[in-house]
């Protein structure tokens, strides 16, 4: 099992050996408390969008180097 703790947010992610992961956050922190109302689909959408955004940025950087 591996873990990730954000330096900027009270967020902790545990990756389990079976391909699943668990996200923990401070439910009272103003920054992360909105996650209290998120459903699984909301997390999947946010993760997917973050990956797409990062790939877009990397592609832009690659094109700018040419």
N, C-alpha and C. Protein backbone atom coordinates (compact mmCIF):
# COMPACT_ATOMS: atom_id res chain seq x y z
N UNK A 1 0.85 -1.18 0.00
CA UNK A 1 0.00 0.00 0.00
C UNK A 1 0.89 1.24 0.00
N UNK A 2 0.55 2.22 -0.82
CA UNK A 2 1.28 3.48 -0.81
C UNK A 2 0.32 4.60 -0.42
N UNK A 3 0.89 5.69 0.04
CA UNK A 3 0.07 6.81 0.48
C UNK A 3 0.58 8.10 -0.12
N UNK A 4 -0.32 9.06 -0.25
CA UNK A 4 0.00 10.40 -0.70
C UNK A 4 -0.68 11.38 0.23
N UNK A 5 0.08 12.33 0.73
CA UNK A 5 -0.48 13.39 1.56
C UNK A 5 -0.14 14.71 0.90
N UNK A 6 -1.13 15.54 0.69
CA UNK A 6 -0.93 16.82 0.04
C UNK A 6 -0.26 17.81 0.98
N UNK A 7 0.71 18.53 0.46
CA UNK A 7 1.36 19.58 1.24
C UNK A 7 0.49 20.83 1.30
N UNK A 8 -0.43 20.97 0.35
CA UNK A 8 -1.26 22.18 0.26
C UNK A 8 -2.66 22.02 0.84
N UNK A 9 -3.15 20.80 0.91
CA UNK A 9 -4.52 20.55 1.34
C UNK A 9 -4.56 19.46 2.40
N UNK A 10 -5.52 19.52 3.31
CA UNK A 10 -5.65 18.44 4.30
C UNK A 10 -6.30 17.22 3.65
N UNK A 11 -5.54 16.57 2.78
CA UNK A 11 -6.02 15.47 1.97
C UNK A 11 -5.01 14.33 2.02
N UNK A 12 -5.49 13.11 2.15
CA UNK A 12 -4.63 11.94 2.26
C UNK A 12 -5.22 10.83 1.39
N UNK A 13 -4.41 10.25 0.53
CA UNK A 13 -4.88 9.19 -0.37
C UNK A 13 -4.09 7.92 -0.08
N UNK A 14 -4.80 6.83 0.11
CA UNK A 14 -4.18 5.52 0.31
C UNK A 14 -4.47 4.66 -0.90
N UNK A 15 -3.43 4.14 -1.53
CA UNK A 15 -3.59 3.22 -2.65
C UNK A 15 -3.42 1.81 -2.10
N UNK A 16 -4.40 0.97 -2.34
CA UNK A 16 -4.37 -0.40 -1.85
C UNK A 16 -3.79 -1.31 -2.93
N UNK A 17 -3.30 -2.43 -2.56
CA UNK A 17 -2.65 -3.35 -3.49
C UNK A 17 -3.58 -3.95 -4.53
N UNK A 18 -4.88 -3.82 -4.33
CA UNK A 18 -5.84 -4.43 -5.26
C UNK A 18 -6.34 -3.46 -6.33
N UNK A 19 -5.68 -2.30 -6.46
CA UNK A 19 -6.08 -1.32 -7.48
C UNK A 19 -7.10 -0.32 -7.00
N UNK A 20 -7.53 -0.41 -5.76
CA UNK A 20 -8.47 0.57 -5.22
C UNK A 20 -7.72 1.57 -4.36
N UNK A 21 -8.38 2.66 -4.04
CA UNK A 21 -7.78 3.64 -3.16
C UNK A 21 -8.85 4.29 -2.30
N UNK A 22 -8.40 4.89 -1.21
CA UNK A 22 -9.29 5.57 -0.28
C UNK A 22 -8.79 6.99 -0.10
N UNK A 23 -9.70 7.95 -0.12
CA UNK A 23 -9.36 9.35 0.08
C UNK A 23 -9.90 9.78 1.44
N UNK A 24 -9.04 10.41 2.23
CA UNK A 24 -9.44 10.95 3.53
C UNK A 24 -9.20 12.46 3.52
N UNK A 25 -10.07 13.21 4.16
CA UNK A 25 -9.90 14.65 4.26
C UNK A 25 -10.47 15.13 5.58
N UNK A 26 -10.10 16.35 5.93
CA UNK A 26 -10.61 16.97 7.14
C UNK A 26 -12.01 17.50 6.84
N UNK A 27 -13.01 16.84 7.39
CA UNK A 27 -14.39 17.20 7.07
C UNK A 27 -14.80 18.56 7.62
N UNK A 28 -13.99 19.15 8.50
CA UNK A 28 -14.31 20.45 9.08
C UNK A 28 -13.49 21.59 8.50
N UNK A 29 -12.49 21.26 7.70
CA UNK A 29 -11.65 22.29 7.09
C UNK A 29 -12.45 23.00 5.99
N UNK A 30 -12.45 24.33 5.99
CA UNK A 30 -13.22 25.06 4.96
C UNK A 30 -12.81 24.72 3.53
N UNK A 31 -11.55 24.35 3.35
CA UNK A 31 -11.06 24.03 2.01
C UNK A 31 -11.57 22.69 1.51
N UNK A 32 -11.61 21.68 2.38
CA UNK A 32 -11.99 20.35 1.94
C UNK A 32 -13.38 19.91 2.36
N UNK A 33 -14.04 20.67 3.20
CA UNK A 33 -15.38 20.25 3.67
C UNK A 33 -16.41 20.10 2.55
N UNK A 34 -16.29 20.81 1.41
CA UNK A 34 -17.23 20.54 0.32
C UNK A 34 -17.21 19.10 -0.17
N UNK A 35 -16.09 18.39 0.05
CA UNK A 35 -16.01 16.99 -0.36
C UNK A 35 -16.97 16.11 0.43
N UNK A 36 -17.45 16.59 1.55
CA UNK A 36 -18.37 15.81 2.38
C UNK A 36 -19.65 15.44 1.62
N UNK A 37 -20.01 16.24 0.64
CA UNK A 37 -21.26 15.99 -0.10
C UNK A 37 -21.03 15.30 -1.44
N UNK A 38 -19.78 15.03 -1.79
CA UNK A 38 -19.48 14.41 -3.08
C UNK A 38 -19.84 12.93 -3.10
N UNK A 39 -20.34 12.50 -4.24
CA UNK A 39 -20.60 11.08 -4.49
C UNK A 39 -19.38 10.51 -5.24
N UNK A 40 -19.34 9.20 -5.37
CA UNK A 40 -18.23 8.55 -6.07
C UNK A 40 -18.05 9.12 -7.47
N UNK A 41 -19.14 9.39 -8.15
CA UNK A 41 -19.07 9.93 -9.51
C UNK A 41 -18.39 11.29 -9.53
N UNK A 42 -18.60 12.10 -8.49
CA UNK A 42 -17.97 13.41 -8.42
C UNK A 42 -16.45 13.28 -8.32
N UNK A 43 -15.98 12.33 -7.51
CA UNK A 43 -14.54 12.10 -7.39
C UNK A 43 -13.97 11.60 -8.71
N UNK A 44 -14.66 10.67 -9.35
CA UNK A 44 -14.18 10.15 -10.63
C UNK A 44 -14.11 11.26 -11.69
N UNK A 45 -15.11 12.12 -11.71
CA UNK A 45 -15.13 13.23 -12.66
C UNK A 45 -13.97 14.18 -12.38
N UNK A 46 -13.72 14.51 -11.12
CA UNK A 46 -12.64 15.42 -10.76
C UNK A 46 -11.27 14.82 -11.12
N UNK A 47 -11.08 13.56 -10.85
CA UNK A 47 -9.81 12.91 -11.17
C UNK A 47 -9.61 12.87 -12.68
N UNK A 48 -10.64 12.49 -13.41
CA UNK A 48 -10.56 12.44 -14.86
C UNK A 48 -10.27 13.81 -15.44
N UNK A 49 -10.95 14.84 -14.95
CA UNK A 49 -10.73 16.19 -15.45
C UNK A 49 -9.32 16.66 -15.13
N UNK A 50 -8.82 16.33 -13.94
CA UNK A 50 -7.46 16.71 -13.58
C UNK A 50 -6.43 16.07 -14.50
N UNK A 51 -6.63 14.82 -14.84
CA UNK A 51 -5.72 14.13 -15.75
C UNK A 51 -5.79 14.77 -17.14
N UNK A 52 -6.99 15.03 -17.63
CA UNK A 52 -7.14 15.65 -18.94
C UNK A 52 -6.49 17.03 -18.97
N UNK A 53 -6.68 17.81 -17.90
CA UNK A 53 -6.06 19.14 -17.82
C UNK A 53 -4.54 19.04 -17.85
N UNK A 54 -3.99 18.11 -17.10
CA UNK A 54 -2.53 17.94 -17.05
C UNK A 54 -1.99 17.51 -18.41
N UNK A 55 -2.67 16.59 -19.08
CA UNK A 55 -2.23 16.16 -20.41
C UNK A 55 -2.29 17.32 -21.40
N UNK A 56 -3.31 18.15 -21.29
CA UNK A 56 -3.43 19.32 -22.17
C UNK A 56 -2.26 20.27 -21.94
N UNK A 57 -1.92 20.52 -20.69
CA UNK A 57 -0.80 21.41 -20.36
C UNK A 57 0.51 20.83 -20.90
N UNK A 58 0.71 19.55 -20.70
CA UNK A 58 1.93 18.91 -21.21
C UNK A 58 2.02 19.01 -22.73
N UNK A 59 0.90 18.84 -23.40
CA UNK A 59 0.88 18.93 -24.87
C UNK A 59 1.19 20.36 -25.31
N UNK A 60 0.63 21.35 -24.61
CA UNK A 60 0.92 22.74 -24.94
C UNK A 60 2.40 23.06 -24.75
N UNK A 61 2.98 22.56 -23.67
CA UNK A 61 4.41 22.77 -23.42
C UNK A 61 5.26 22.12 -24.49
N UNK A 62 4.85 20.94 -24.92
CA UNK A 62 5.58 20.22 -25.98
C UNK A 62 5.52 21.00 -27.28
N UNK A 63 4.37 21.54 -27.62
CA UNK A 63 4.22 22.32 -28.85
C UNK A 63 5.00 23.63 -28.78
N UNK A 64 5.07 24.24 -27.61
CA UNK A 64 5.79 25.49 -27.43
C UNK A 64 7.29 25.31 -27.60
N UNK A 65 7.78 24.11 -27.32
CA UNK A 65 9.21 23.83 -27.46
C UNK A 65 9.64 23.71 -28.91
N UNK A 66 8.71 23.45 -29.81
CA UNK A 66 9.04 23.24 -31.22
C UNK A 66 9.31 24.53 -31.93
